[in-house]
Amino acid sequence: MKILLLGKNGQVGWELQRSLAPLGELIALDRHVVDGLCGDLSDLDALRATIRLVGPDVIVNAAAYTSVDKAESETEVADRINGQASQVIAEEAENVGAWLIHYSTDYVFSGVGSLPWQESDAVAPVNHYGASKLAGEQAIAASGCKYLIFRTSWVYGARGNNFAKTMLRLARERETLNVISDQFGAPTGADLIADITALVIRQLLQRPELSGLYHLAAGGEVSWFGYASHVIDFAQANGEQFAVRVINPIETTAYPTPARRPLNSRLNTKKLRDNFSIHLPDWQIGVTRMLREVLNK
């Protein structure tokens, strides 16, 4: 089996290099040209040519435009990478008969309410990033290719920047932290996403009827305030010294950003768990493992 991975150096892409390697020949690309192959999603012609040249059995697209606030002003770039490039990848997947595995976001929803979003719920993005990702989803579904789309949320990795690392840094620098307490989701590790992807690919090849749209997130839920408190409490319990004395819960309205953020990022993962017989561990398990790595505890 030949697998083409796009976005190899992102948080999820980095972990996918590990999880996909045992499945077959892995060709992993970033935006740079290597041996005539280009994984730059902003260069649609080169992207199309690369897929035709590789002729993969599976395409895993872990590349995306992810700057949520910048997407409000860089609309054309976001649309090109998240929307138009997804359409090109899907069309070429259909042409070569490849499976397409693609990642989307809870930002396609309105973010209201408190119930976890189901795959069948109405979409209503609250910002341009969400709209661009939704356009990508719709282009893939309309292409006729064999696909699986994972909507996920609150993704973090031990490699690169993430919310937990930011909280640890600020806790060392400041006596008081203000953290949003009215947005809820489940912190989901890039390693978990990558491992689930590899498990699912093996099953899809045997059971193509399982194709479609799925929600993928760790179990449980927490606010950003609860997440930050968990991170700092764990670090302190493991000997870290901080300047912080108080963590204040604040509402989203007290922290304005160029792009609106959904209050409800909960995702219902029952369809994924049932169809693929998969267990999704609670968010604390992955976060604790990441913290041990970051803190070397």
Protein backbone atom coordinates (compact mmCIF):
# COMPACT_ATOMS: atom_id res chain seq x y z
CA MET A 1 0.00 0.00 0.00
CA LYS A 2 1.27 3.47 -0.93
CA ILE A 3 0.28 6.34 1.37
CA LEU A 4 0.70 10.03 0.55
CA LEU A 5 0.80 12.23 3.65
CA LEU A 6 0.37 15.98 3.27
CA GLY A 7 1.35 18.33 6.10
CA LYS A 8 3.97 16.05 7.61
CA ASN A 9 5.40 18.64 10.01
CA GLY A 10 2.19 19.85 11.63
CA GLN A 11 1.14 18.57 15.04
CA VAL A 12 -1.01 15.78 13.61
CA GLY A 13 1.21 15.23 10.58
CA TRP A 14 4.26 14.65 12.77
CA GLU A 15 2.47 11.89 14.67
CA LEU A 16 1.04 10.45 11.44
CA GLN A 17 4.56 9.88 10.16
CA ARG A 18 4.94 7.44 13.03
CA SER A 19 1.52 5.79 12.98
CA LEU A 20 1.25 5.32 9.20
CA ALA A 21 4.76 3.97 8.58
CA PRO A 22 3.89 0.34 9.46
CA LEU A 23 0.96 0.29 7.00
CA GLY A 24 3.01 0.52 3.80
CA GLU A 25 5.20 2.80 1.70
CA LEU A 26 4.83 6.29 3.18
CA ILE A 27 5.56 9.39 1.12
CA ALA A 28 5.38 12.34 3.53
CA LEU A 29 5.47 15.89 2.20
CA ASP A 30 5.40 19.44 3.48
CA ARG A 31 5.18 22.62 1.42
CA HIS A 32 8.73 22.27 0.06
CA VAL A 33 9.49 20.54 -3.24
CA VAL A 34 11.38 17.25 -2.81
CA ASP A 35 12.25 14.98 -5.75
CA GLY A 36 9.73 16.83 -7.89
CA LEU A 37 6.92 16.33 -5.37
CA CYS A 38 5.15 19.26 -3.74
CA GLY A 39 2.77 19.24 -0.79
CA ASP A 40 2.08 22.98 -0.82
CA LEU A 41 -1.72 23.31 -0.65
CA SER A 42 -1.53 26.88 -1.93
CA ASP A 43 -0.05 25.65 -5.24
CA LEU A 44 -3.03 23.83 -6.71
CA ASP A 45 -1.39 22.86 -9.99
CA ALA A 46 1.68 21.39 -8.29
CA LEU A 47 -0.55 19.60 -5.79
CA ARG A 48 -2.57 18.00 -8.58
CA ALA A 49 0.58 16.96 -10.46
CA THR A 50 2.11 15.47 -7.32
CA ILE A 51 -0.89 13.24 -6.61
CA ARG A 52 -0.89 11.99 -10.20
CA LEU A 53 2.84 11.31 -10.06
CA VAL A 54 2.67 9.40 -6.76
CA GLY A 55 -0.50 7.44 -7.60
CA PRO A 56 -1.25 6.62 -3.95
CA ASP A 57 -3.71 4.11 -2.54
CA VAL A 58 -4.44 6.43 0.39
CA ILE A 59 -4.06 10.21 0.74
CA VAL A 60 -3.96 11.58 4.27
CA ASN A 61 -4.39 15.36 4.30
CA ALA A 62 -3.10 16.77 7.57
CA ALA A 63 -2.24 20.16 6.03
CA ALA A 64 -4.50 23.16 6.56
CA TYR A 65 -4.68 26.88 7.14
CA THR A 66 -5.19 27.02 10.91
CA SER A 67 -4.67 30.68 11.91
CA VAL A 68 -8.21 31.28 13.15
CA ASP A 69 -7.86 35.02 13.75
CA LYS A 70 -5.79 35.75 10.62
CA ALA A 71 -8.40 33.94 8.52
CA GLU A 72 -10.73 36.88 9.13
CA SER A 73 -8.45 39.09 7.02
CA GLU A 74 -6.60 36.48 4.92
CA THR A 75 -9.83 35.06 3.54
CA GLU A 76 -8.53 34.20 0.08
CA VAL A 77 -5.56 32.25 1.46
CA ALA A 78 -7.78 30.34 3.93
CA ASP A 79 -10.28 29.54 1.18
CA ARG A 80 -7.57 28.37 -1.19
CA ILE A 81 -5.85 26.05 1.30
CA ASN A 82 -8.86 24.76 3.23
CA GLY A 83 -11.44 24.81 0.45
CA GLN A 84 -10.01 24.76 -3.07
CA ALA A 85 -7.03 22.54 -2.25
CA SER A 86 -9.36 20.02 -0.58
CA GLN A 87 -11.38 19.93 -3.79
CA VAL A 88 -8.25 19.32 -5.87
CA ILE A 89 -7.08 16.52 -3.56
CA ALA A 90 -10.54 14.91 -3.64
CA GLU A 91 -10.77 15.11 -7.45
CA GLU A 92 -7.37 13.52 -7.86
CA ALA A 93 -8.18 10.86 -5.24
CA GLU A 94 -11.22 9.98 -7.35
CA ASN A 95 -9.11 9.92 -10.52
CA VAL A 96 -6.50 7.51 -9.11
CA GLY A 97 -8.98 5.50 -7.02
CA ALA A 98 -7.40 6.46 -3.70
CA TRP A 99 -8.99 6.81 -0.30
CA LEU A 100 -8.86 10.33 1.13
CA ILE A 101 -8.54 10.85 4.89
CA HIS A 102 -9.15 14.49 5.79
CA TYR A 103 -9.34 16.48 9.05
CA SER A 104 -11.92 19.14 9.83
CA THR A 105 -13.12 20.97 12.92
CA ASP A 106 -15.96 21.62 15.34
CA TYR A 107 -15.78 25.24 14.09
CA VAL A 108 -18.21 24.25 11.31
CA PHE A 109 -20.93 24.47 14.00
CA SER A 110 -22.52 27.50 15.64
CA GLY A 111 -21.04 26.74 19.06
CA VAL A 112 -24.30 27.28 20.91
CA GLY A 113 -25.91 25.01 23.49
CA SER A 114 -24.30 22.37 25.67
CA LEU A 115 -25.02 19.08 23.89
CA PRO A 116 -22.15 17.39 22.03
CA TRP A 117 -22.47 17.94 18.28
CA GLN A 118 -23.49 14.99 16.13
CA GLU A 119 -22.39 14.46 12.53
CA SER A 120 -25.95 15.07 11.35
CA ASP A 121 -26.41 18.41 13.13
CA ALA A 122 -26.85 21.58 11.06
CA VAL A 123 -23.66 23.50 10.32
CA ALA A 124 -23.34 27.26 10.88
CA PRO A 125 -19.72 28.48 11.20
CA VAL A 126 -19.18 31.53 13.40
CA ASN A 127 -15.92 32.60 11.73
CA HIS A 128 -14.16 32.42 8.37
CA TYR A 129 -11.82 29.64 9.41
CA GLY A 130 -14.85 27.44 10.12
CA ALA A 131 -16.46 28.48 6.82
CA SER A 132 -13.30 27.59 4.87
CA LYS A 133 -13.08 24.18 6.53
CA LEU A 134 -16.75 23.55 5.82
CA ALA A 135 -16.15 24.38 2.15
CA GLY A 136 -13.43 21.72 2.13
CA GLU A 137 -15.77 19.15 3.66
CA GLN A 138 -18.46 19.89 1.11
CA ALA A 139 -16.05 19.72 -1.83
CA ILE A 140 -14.80 16.31 -0.72
CA ALA A 141 -18.32 14.94 -0.24
CA ALA A 142 -19.33 16.19 -3.69
CA SER A 143 -16.27 14.82 -5.48
CA GLY A 144 -17.36 11.19 -5.60
CA CYS A 145 -14.08 9.97 -4.08
CA LYS A 146 -13.80 7.40 -1.30
CA TYR A 147 -13.30 9.49 1.80
CA LEU A 148 -13.32 9.71 5.55
CA ILE A 149 -13.49 13.10 7.25
CA PHE A 150 -12.58 13.46 10.92
CA ARG A 151 -13.95 16.52 12.68
CA THR A 152 -11.88 17.12 15.78
CA SER A 153 -11.31 19.89 18.32
CA TRP A 154 -8.85 21.40 20.80
CA VAL A 155 -5.91 19.55 19.21
CA TYR A 156 -2.53 19.62 20.96
CA GLY A 157 0.81 17.90 20.54
CA ALA A 158 3.89 17.52 22.70
CA ARG A 159 5.88 18.89 19.74
CA GLY A 160 5.43 22.58 19.03
CA ASN A 161 3.35 25.13 20.86
CA ASN A 162 0.12 24.28 22.66
CA PHE A 163 -2.22 25.68 25.30
CA ALA A 164 -0.67 23.67 28.16
CA LYS A 165 2.84 24.91 27.38
CA THR A 166 1.56 28.48 27.22
CA MET A 167 -0.11 28.11 30.62
CA LEU A 168 3.08 26.68 32.13
CA ARG A 169 5.12 29.59 30.78
CA LEU A 170 2.65 32.22 31.98
CA ALA A 171 2.39 30.55 35.39
CA ARG A 172 6.13 31.02 35.81
CA GLU A 173 5.96 34.68 34.76
CA ARG A 174 2.77 36.01 36.37
CA GLU A 175 1.06 35.95 39.76
CA THR A 176 -2.43 36.13 38.23
CA LEU A 177 -3.85 34.37 35.17
CA ASN A 178 -7.21 35.05 33.51
CA VAL A 179 -8.54 32.04 31.59
CA ILE A 180 -11.82 31.65 29.68
CA SER A 181 -14.33 29.51 31.53
CA ASP A 182 -17.40 29.48 29.25
CA GLN A 183 -15.93 27.57 26.26
CA PHE A 184 -16.10 23.78 26.56
CA GLY A 185 -14.46 20.96 24.65
CA ALA A 186 -12.14 17.97 25.00
CA PRO A 187 -8.37 18.46 24.59
CA THR A 188 -7.42 15.86 21.96
CA GLY A 189 -3.86 14.70 21.41
CA ALA A 190 -2.31 14.63 17.96
CA ASP A 191 -0.94 11.21 18.85
CA LEU A 192 -4.45 9.89 19.54
CA ILE A 193 -5.72 11.30 16.23
CA ALA A 194 -2.81 9.69 14.38
CA ASP A 195 -3.28 6.30 16.04
CA ILE A 196 -7.03 6.29 15.36
CA THR A 197 -6.32 7.22 11.74
CA ALA A 198 -4.03 4.21 11.27
CA LEU A 199 -6.56 1.87 12.92
CA VAL A 200 -9.38 3.18 10.76
CA ILE A 201 -7.46 2.93 7.48
CA ARG A 202 -6.92 -0.79 8.00
CA GLN A 203 -10.63 -1.31 8.61
CA LEU A 204 -11.73 0.91 5.72
CA LEU A 205 -9.81 -1.18 3.22
CA GLN A 206 -11.79 -4.22 4.34
CA ARG A 207 -15.11 -2.42 4.93
CA PRO A 208 -15.46 0.50 2.49
CA GLU A 209 -19.09 0.96 3.53
CA LEU A 210 -17.76 2.66 6.69
CA SER A 211 -16.68 5.72 4.69
CA GLY A 212 -18.08 9.16 5.53
CA LEU A 213 -18.00 11.83 8.23
CA TYR A 214 -16.97 11.15 11.83
CA HIS A 215 -16.31 13.08 15.02
CA LEU A 216 -13.02 12.31 16.75
CA ALA A 217 -12.15 13.74 20.16
CA ALA A 218 -10.95 12.51 23.51
CA GLY A 219 -13.53 11.52 26.12
CA GLY A 220 -15.00 13.93 28.65
CA GLU A 221 -15.19 17.71 28.58
CA VAL A 222 -13.61 20.71 30.27
CA SER A 223 -13.40 24.48 29.96
CA TRP A 224 -10.16 26.28 29.13
CA PHE A 225 -10.14 27.39 32.79
CA GLY A 226 -10.47 23.79 33.97
CA TYR A 227 -7.81 22.71 31.49
CA ALA A 228 -5.38 25.35 32.72
CA SER A 229 -6.06 24.45 36.35
CA HIS A 230 -5.41 20.77 35.62
CA VAL A 231 -2.12 21.57 33.89
CA ILE A 232 -0.80 23.82 36.65
CA ASP A 233 -1.99 21.53 39.47
CA PHE A 234 -0.26 18.54 37.86
CA ALA A 235 2.96 20.46 37.33
CA GLN A 236 3.00 21.74 40.91
CA ALA A 237 2.32 18.24 42.24
CA ASN A 238 5.39 17.13 40.30
CA GLY A 239 7.73 19.72 41.75
CA GLU A 240 7.38 22.69 39.39
CA GLN A 241 7.70 26.13 40.99
CA PHE A 242 5.42 28.91 39.75
CA ALA A 243 4.87 32.60 40.37
CA VAL A 244 1.13 32.27 39.84
CA ARG A 245 -1.09 32.60 42.91
CA VAL A 246 -4.54 33.07 41.39
CA ILE A 247 -6.24 31.70 38.26
CA ASN A 248 -9.36 33.73 37.47
CA PRO A 249 -12.21 32.36 35.36
CA ILE A 250 -13.38 34.92 32.79
CA GLU A 251 -16.07 34.93 30.10
CA THR A 252 -15.32 34.99 26.38
CA THR A 253 -16.69 38.53 26.15
CA ALA A 254 -13.85 39.71 28.39
CA TYR A 255 -11.25 38.52 25.89
CA PRO A 256 -12.19 39.83 22.43
CA THR A 257 -10.46 38.35 19.38
CA PRO A 258 -10.75 39.11 15.63
CA ALA A 259 -12.56 35.80 15.07
CA ARG A 260 -15.52 34.67 17.17
CA ARG A 261 -14.98 31.45 19.09
CA PRO A 262 -17.65 28.78 19.66
CA LEU A 263 -18.70 28.28 23.28
CA ASN A 264 -19.64 24.66 22.68
CA SER A 265 -16.90 22.55 21.05
CA ARG A 266 -18.16 19.24 22.43
CA LEU A 267 -18.28 16.45 19.84
CA ASN A 268 -20.40 13.30 20.02
CA THR A 269 -18.09 10.43 19.01
CA LYS A 270 -20.57 7.53 19.27
CA LYS A 271 -20.64 6.89 15.50
CA LEU A 272 -16.85 6.47 15.36
CA ARG A 273 -16.69 4.32 18.49
CA ASP A 274 -19.52 2.05 17.37
CA ASN A 275 -18.58 1.64 13.69
CA PHE A 276 -14.90 0.96 14.28
CA SER A 277 -15.04 -0.61 17.79
CA ILE A 278 -12.72 2.08 19.12
CA HIS A 279 -12.24 3.34 22.68
CA LEU A 280 -11.48 7.04 23.11
CA PRO A 281 -9.75 7.69 26.46
CA ASP A 282 -10.66 10.66 28.64
CA TRP A 283 -8.80 13.87 27.84
CA GLN A 284 -6.88 13.83 31.14
CA ILE A 285 -4.98 10.68 30.12
CA GLY A 286 -3.46 12.22 27.01
CA VAL A 287 -2.80 15.60 28.62
CA THR A 288 -1.06 13.99 31.59
CA ARG A 289 1.14 11.94 29.26
CA MET A 290 2.02 15.05 27.27
CA LEU A 291 2.81 16.96 30.46
CA ARG A 292 5.12 14.21 31.67
CA GLU A 293 7.00 14.48 28.39
CA VAL A 294 7.13 18.27 28.46
CA LEU A 295 8.20 18.39 32.12
CA ASN A 296 10.40 15.28 31.84
CA LYS A 297 8.69 13.80 34.90
